[in-house]
Amino acid sequence: MAHRIGQIHFYRGVNFGADNWLVFKRVTVDQVTTGQTDCSTDPEQNGLTKLDADGNPIKVDVTNPYSGENCLARLGWNKLMTVIVREMKRGFLEEAMRNCKEEDNNGFLGFLGRSDAKL
């Protein structure tokens, strides 16, 4: 899917520099790992409450993006976003190369057609 998104970006004329890809990755990781979830009112359902071995709740610091739990989540999401961005870039570049080759081939064929007409 990310590969296809890269292709679509090429056809729509959306070109990103290296800094744009990095910002996209960082902002996505930041948004996903903020811990601000409203999916459930039950703390155990939304992952904001962890239980120790005795079943007592352990308060998780969701405000600190580099706390133990959030740090692991950030590492995981960062790795995933690296793969996604790589695939988007690959889709974009492959489509650009394919388009470039088609233009070269069409230009070459057009050149041959004109030279044959003169003979």
N, C-alpha and C. Protein backbone atom coordinates (compact mmCIF):
# COMPACT_ATOMS: atom_id res chain seq x y z
N MET A 1 0.82 -1.19 0.00
CA MET A 1 0.00 0.00 0.00
C MET A 1 0.87 1.26 0.00
N ALA A 2 1.94 1.25 0.81
CA ALA A 2 2.83 2.41 0.84
C ALA A 2 3.50 2.61 -0.51
N HIS A 3 3.83 1.51 -1.16
CA HIS A 3 4.45 1.57 -2.49
C HIS A 3 3.51 2.27 -3.47
N ARG A 4 2.25 1.90 -3.42
CA ARG A 4 1.23 2.51 -4.30
C ARG A 4 1.05 3.99 -3.98
N ILE A 5 1.09 4.34 -2.71
CA ILE A 5 0.97 5.75 -2.32
C ILE A 5 2.12 6.55 -2.92
N GLY A 6 3.32 5.98 -2.92
CA GLY A 6 4.46 6.64 -3.56
C GLY A 6 4.23 6.87 -5.04
N GLN A 7 3.65 5.87 -5.72
CA GLN A 7 3.35 6.01 -7.14
C GLN A 7 2.33 7.12 -7.37
N ILE A 8 1.32 7.16 -6.53
CA ILE A 8 0.28 8.19 -6.65
C ILE A 8 0.89 9.57 -6.46
N HIS A 9 1.82 9.70 -5.50
CA HIS A 9 2.48 10.99 -5.30
C HIS A 9 3.22 11.42 -6.57
N PHE A 10 3.83 10.48 -7.26
CA PHE A 10 4.52 10.83 -8.51
C PHE A 10 3.53 11.36 -9.54
N TYR A 11 2.43 10.65 -9.74
CA TYR A 11 1.47 11.05 -10.77
C TYR A 11 0.77 12.36 -10.43
N ARG A 12 0.64 12.66 -9.16
CA ARG A 12 0.01 13.93 -8.77
C ARG A 12 1.01 15.07 -8.74
N GLY A 13 2.27 14.77 -8.97
CA GLY A 13 3.29 15.81 -9.00
C GLY A 13 3.73 16.27 -7.63
N VAL A 14 3.53 15.44 -6.62
CA VAL A 14 3.94 15.79 -5.25
C VAL A 14 5.33 15.24 -5.03
N ASN A 15 6.31 16.12 -4.99
CA ASN A 15 7.70 15.71 -4.81
C ASN A 15 8.17 16.14 -3.43
N PHE A 16 8.75 15.22 -2.69
CA PHE A 16 9.22 15.51 -1.34
C PHE A 16 10.73 15.47 -1.29
N GLY A 17 11.30 16.43 -0.55
CA GLY A 17 12.72 16.38 -0.26
C GLY A 17 12.96 15.48 0.94
N ALA A 18 14.21 15.19 1.23
CA ALA A 18 14.56 14.30 2.34
C ALA A 18 14.01 14.82 3.67
N ASP A 19 14.04 16.14 3.85
CA ASP A 19 13.55 16.71 5.11
C ASP A 19 12.04 16.50 5.27
N ASN A 20 11.30 16.53 4.18
CA ASN A 20 9.85 16.29 4.25
C ASN A 20 9.53 14.87 4.68
N TRP A 21 10.29 13.91 4.16
CA TRP A 21 10.07 12.51 4.55
C TRP A 21 10.34 12.34 6.04
N LEU A 22 11.42 12.96 6.53
CA LEU A 22 11.77 12.84 7.94
C LEU A 22 10.72 13.50 8.84
N VAL A 23 10.22 14.65 8.42
CA VAL A 23 9.18 15.33 9.20
C VAL A 23 7.91 14.49 9.22
N PHE A 24 7.52 13.93 8.08
CA PHE A 24 6.34 13.06 8.02
C PHE A 24 6.48 11.90 8.99
N LYS A 25 7.65 11.27 8.98
CA LYS A 25 7.89 10.13 9.86
C LYS A 25 7.83 10.55 11.33
N ARG A 26 8.51 11.65 11.68
CA ARG A 26 8.57 12.09 13.07
C ARG A 26 7.20 12.49 13.59
N VAL A 27 6.46 13.25 12.80
CA VAL A 27 5.13 13.70 13.23
C VAL A 27 4.18 12.52 13.39
N THR A 28 4.26 11.56 12.49
CA THR A 28 3.40 10.38 12.60
C THR A 28 3.71 9.62 13.87
N VAL A 29 4.99 9.39 14.15
CA VAL A 29 5.39 8.68 15.38
C VAL A 29 4.93 9.46 16.60
N ASP A 30 5.12 10.78 16.58
CA ASP A 30 4.69 11.61 17.71
C ASP A 30 3.19 11.49 17.95
N GLN A 31 2.40 11.56 16.89
CA GLN A 31 0.95 11.51 17.03
C GLN A 31 0.46 10.16 17.52
N VAL A 32 1.06 9.11 17.01
CA VAL A 32 0.61 7.76 17.38
C VAL A 32 0.98 7.45 18.83
N THR A 33 2.10 7.96 19.30
CA THR A 33 2.59 7.58 20.63
C THR A 33 2.29 8.61 21.71
N THR A 34 1.42 9.57 21.46
CA THR A 34 1.13 10.57 22.49
C THR A 34 0.39 9.98 23.67
N GLY A 35 -0.33 8.88 23.47
CA GLY A 35 -1.06 8.28 24.57
C GLY A 35 -2.41 8.91 24.80
N GLN A 36 -2.77 9.87 24.01
CA GLN A 36 -4.08 10.50 24.14
C GLN A 36 -5.08 9.65 23.38
N THR A 37 -5.74 8.77 24.09
CA THR A 37 -6.69 7.90 23.44
C THR A 37 -8.06 8.07 24.07
N ASP A 38 -9.06 7.98 23.27
CA ASP A 38 -10.42 8.14 23.75
C ASP A 38 -11.26 6.94 23.33
N CYS A 39 -10.58 5.82 23.06
CA CYS A 39 -11.29 4.67 22.50
C CYS A 39 -12.12 3.94 23.54
N SER A 40 -11.85 4.14 24.81
CA SER A 40 -12.60 3.43 25.83
C SER A 40 -12.46 4.16 27.16
N THR A 41 -13.47 4.02 27.99
CA THR A 41 -13.38 4.62 29.32
C THR A 41 -12.75 3.66 30.30
N ASP A 42 -12.65 2.39 29.95
CA ASP A 42 -12.01 1.40 30.80
C ASP A 42 -10.50 1.50 30.62
N PRO A 43 -9.75 1.89 31.68
CA PRO A 43 -8.31 2.08 31.53
C PRO A 43 -7.56 0.84 31.05
N GLU A 44 -8.05 -0.35 31.41
CA GLU A 44 -7.37 -1.55 30.94
C GLU A 44 -7.62 -1.78 29.45
N GLN A 45 -8.74 -1.34 28.95
CA GLN A 45 -9.06 -1.50 27.53
C GLN A 45 -8.21 -0.57 26.65
N ASN A 46 -7.97 0.64 27.14
CA ASN A 46 -7.24 1.59 26.30
C ASN A 46 -5.73 1.55 26.55
N GLY A 47 -5.26 0.65 27.39
CA GLY A 47 -3.83 0.47 27.57
C GLY A 47 -3.16 1.48 28.45
N LEU A 48 -3.91 2.33 29.14
CA LEU A 48 -3.30 3.33 29.99
C LEU A 48 -3.02 2.81 31.39
N THR A 49 -3.57 1.68 31.76
CA THR A 49 -3.32 1.11 33.08
C THR A 49 -2.70 -0.27 32.92
N LYS A 50 -1.57 -0.47 33.59
CA LYS A 50 -0.92 -1.77 33.61
C LYS A 50 -1.06 -2.33 35.01
N LEU A 51 -1.06 -3.64 35.10
CA LEU A 51 -1.20 -4.30 36.39
C LEU A 51 0.10 -4.99 36.75
N ASP A 52 0.46 -4.92 38.06
CA ASP A 52 1.65 -5.64 38.50
C ASP A 52 1.28 -7.10 38.76
N ALA A 53 2.21 -7.87 39.30
CA ALA A 53 1.99 -9.30 39.52
C ALA A 53 0.84 -9.57 40.48
N ASP A 54 0.59 -8.66 41.41
CA ASP A 54 -0.50 -8.83 42.39
C ASP A 54 -1.84 -8.32 41.86
N GLY A 55 -1.87 -7.77 40.68
CA GLY A 55 -3.11 -7.26 40.12
C GLY A 55 -3.39 -5.81 40.48
N ASN A 56 -2.42 -5.15 41.11
CA ASN A 56 -2.58 -3.74 41.47
C ASN A 56 -2.22 -2.87 40.27
N PRO A 57 -2.99 -1.80 40.07
CA PRO A 57 -2.70 -0.93 38.91
C PRO A 57 -1.36 -0.20 39.06
N ILE A 58 -0.64 -0.12 37.95
CA ILE A 58 0.60 0.64 37.89
C ILE A 58 0.32 1.84 37.01
N LYS A 59 0.59 3.02 37.53
CA LYS A 59 0.34 4.23 36.75
C LYS A 59 1.43 4.38 35.68
N VAL A 60 0.99 4.53 34.45
CA VAL A 60 1.91 4.70 33.33
C VAL A 60 1.96 6.19 32.99
N ASP A 61 3.17 6.71 32.88
CA ASP A 61 3.34 8.13 32.55
C ASP A 61 3.22 8.32 31.04
N VAL A 62 2.00 8.64 30.59
CA VAL A 62 1.78 8.81 29.15
C VAL A 62 2.16 10.20 28.67
N THR A 63 2.41 11.11 29.59
CA THR A 63 2.77 12.47 29.18
C THR A 63 4.23 12.56 28.77
N ASN A 64 5.07 11.68 29.28
CA ASN A 64 6.48 11.69 28.93
C ASN A 64 6.70 10.73 27.76
N PRO A 65 7.02 11.26 26.59
CA PRO A 65 7.16 10.37 25.42
C PRO A 65 8.36 9.43 25.52
N TYR A 66 9.25 9.67 26.48
CA TYR A 66 10.43 8.83 26.61
C TYR A 66 10.42 8.01 27.90
N SER A 67 9.23 7.86 28.52
CA SER A 67 9.12 6.95 29.66
C SER A 67 9.31 5.53 29.14
N GLY A 68 9.49 4.59 30.03
CA GLY A 68 9.79 3.21 29.63
C GLY A 68 8.84 2.65 28.60
N GLU A 69 7.54 2.69 28.88
CA GLU A 69 6.55 2.13 27.96
C GLU A 69 6.50 2.92 26.66
N ASN A 70 6.48 4.23 26.78
CA ASN A 70 6.39 5.06 25.57
C ASN A 70 7.65 4.97 24.73
N CYS A 71 8.79 4.80 25.37
CA CYS A 71 10.04 4.69 24.62
C CYS A 71 10.03 3.45 23.74
N LEU A 72 9.56 2.34 24.28
CA LEU A 72 9.46 1.11 23.49
C LEU A 72 8.46 1.28 22.35
N ALA A 73 7.35 1.93 22.64
CA ALA A 73 6.34 2.17 21.60
C ALA A 73 6.92 3.07 20.51
N ARG A 74 7.65 4.10 20.91
CA ARG A 74 8.26 5.01 19.92
C ARG A 74 9.26 4.27 19.05
N LEU A 75 10.06 3.40 19.67
CA LEU A 75 11.03 2.62 18.89
C LEU A 75 10.33 1.74 17.86
N GLY A 76 9.26 1.07 18.29
CA GLY A 76 8.51 0.21 17.38
C GLY A 76 7.87 0.99 16.25
N TRP A 77 7.21 2.09 16.59
CA TRP A 77 6.56 2.90 15.56
C TRP A 77 7.58 3.55 14.63
N ASN A 78 8.71 3.95 15.19
CA ASN A 78 9.76 4.55 14.36
C ASN A 78 10.27 3.54 13.34
N LYS A 79 10.46 2.31 13.77
CA LYS A 79 10.90 1.25 12.86
C LYS A 79 9.86 1.01 11.76
N LEU A 80 8.58 0.93 12.17
CA LEU A 80 7.51 0.73 11.19
C LEU A 80 7.44 1.89 10.19
N MET A 81 7.53 3.11 10.68
CA MET A 81 7.46 4.27 9.79
C MET A 81 8.67 4.34 8.86
N THR A 82 9.82 3.85 9.32
CA THR A 82 10.99 3.79 8.45
C THR A 82 10.70 2.90 7.25
N VAL A 83 10.08 1.75 7.50
CA VAL A 83 9.74 0.83 6.42
C VAL A 83 8.69 1.45 5.49
N ILE A 84 7.69 2.09 6.07
CA ILE A 84 6.63 2.71 5.27
C ILE A 84 7.19 3.82 4.38
N VAL A 85 8.02 4.69 4.94
CA VAL A 85 8.61 5.78 4.16
C VAL A 85 9.52 5.22 3.07
N ARG A 86 10.28 4.17 3.40
CA ARG A 86 11.15 3.56 2.40
C ARG A 86 10.33 3.03 1.22
N GLU A 87 9.21 2.38 1.52
CA GLU A 87 8.36 1.85 0.46
C GLU A 87 7.71 2.97 -0.36
N MET A 88 7.31 4.05 0.31
CA MET A 88 6.73 5.18 -0.42
C MET A 88 7.77 5.78 -1.37
N LYS A 89 8.99 5.95 -0.88
CA LYS A 89 10.06 6.49 -1.73
C LYS A 89 10.32 5.56 -2.91
N ARG A 90 10.37 4.27 -2.62
CA ARG A 90 10.64 3.29 -3.68
C ARG A 90 9.56 3.33 -4.75
N GLY A 91 8.29 3.41 -4.32
CA GLY A 91 7.20 3.50 -5.28
C GLY A 91 7.30 4.75 -6.13
N PHE A 92 7.63 5.87 -5.49
CA PHE A 92 7.77 7.13 -6.20
C PHE A 92 8.90 7.04 -7.22
N LEU A 93 10.07 6.57 -6.78
CA LEU A 93 11.24 6.53 -7.66
C LEU A 93 11.08 5.52 -8.79
N GLU A 94 10.49 4.36 -8.50
CA GLU A 94 10.28 3.37 -9.56
C GLU A 94 9.34 3.92 -10.64
N GLU A 95 8.32 4.61 -10.20
CA GLU A 95 7.37 5.19 -11.17
C GLU A 95 8.05 6.29 -11.97
N ALA A 96 8.88 7.09 -11.32
CA ALA A 96 9.61 8.14 -12.04
C ALA A 96 10.57 7.54 -13.06
N MET A 97 11.25 6.46 -12.68
CA MET A 97 12.17 5.81 -13.62
C MET A 97 11.42 5.18 -14.78
N ARG A 98 10.29 4.54 -14.49
CA ARG A 98 9.49 3.94 -15.55
C ARG A 98 9.00 5.01 -16.52
N ASN A 99 8.54 6.12 -15.99
CA ASN A 99 8.04 7.22 -16.81
C ASN A 99 9.17 7.81 -17.65
N CYS A 100 10.34 7.93 -17.05
CA CYS A 100 11.50 8.48 -17.75
C CYS A 100 11.90 7.56 -18.90
N LYS A 101 11.91 6.25 -18.67
CA LYS A 101 12.26 5.29 -19.72
C LYS A 101 11.24 5.33 -20.85
N GLU A 102 9.96 5.46 -20.51
CA GLU A 102 8.92 5.54 -21.54
C GLU A 102 9.12 6.78 -22.41
N GLU A 103 9.45 7.90 -21.78
CA GLU A 103 9.69 9.13 -22.54
C GLU A 103 10.91 8.98 -23.43
N ASP A 104 11.99 8.35 -22.91
CA ASP A 104 13.19 8.13 -23.71
C ASP A 104 12.88 7.23 -24.89
N ASN A 105 12.14 6.15 -24.64
CA ASN A 105 11.79 5.23 -25.72
C ASN A 105 10.91 5.90 -26.76
N ASN A 106 9.94 6.68 -26.32
CA ASN A 106 9.07 7.38 -27.26
C ASN A 106 9.86 8.40 -28.08
N GLY A 107 10.77 9.09 -27.43
CA GLY A 107 11.61 10.05 -28.14
C GLY A 107 12.51 9.37 -29.14
N PHE A 108 13.07 8.22 -28.74
CA PHE A 108 13.95 7.47 -29.62
C PHE A 108 13.18 6.93 -30.82
N LEU A 109 11.98 6.39 -30.57
CA LEU A 109 11.16 5.88 -31.66
C LEU A 109 10.73 7.00 -32.59
N GLY A 110 10.42 8.14 -32.01
CA GLY A 110 10.05 9.29 -32.84
C GLY A 110 11.21 9.74 -33.70
N PHE A 111 12.42 9.69 -33.14
CA PHE A 111 13.60 10.06 -33.89
C PHE A 111 13.82 9.09 -35.04
N LEU A 112 13.67 7.79 -34.77
CA LEU A 112 13.82 6.79 -35.84
C LEU A 112 12.77 6.98 -36.92
N GLY A 113 11.57 7.29 -36.50
CA GLY A 113 10.49 7.48 -37.47
C GLY A 113 10.79 8.64 -38.40
N ARG A 114 11.34 9.74 -37.85
CA ARG A 114 11.66 10.91 -38.67
C ARG A 114 12.82 10.61 -39.61
N SER A 115 13.83 9.91 -39.13
CA SER A 115 14.98 9.64 -39.99
C SER A 115 14.62 8.65 -41.09
N ASP A 116 13.72 7.69 -40.79
CA ASP A 116 13.28 6.75 -41.82
C ASP A 116 12.49 7.48 -42.90
N ALA A 117 11.74 8.49 -42.50
CA ALA A 117 10.91 9.22 -43.46
C ALA A 117 11.79 9.98 -44.45
N LYS A 118 12.96 10.42 -43.99
CA LYS A 118 13.85 11.18 -44.87
C LYS A 118 14.58 10.27 -45.84
N LEU A 119 14.73 8.99 -45.50
CA LEU A 119 15.45 8.08 -46.39
C LEU A 119 14.59 7.76 -47.53
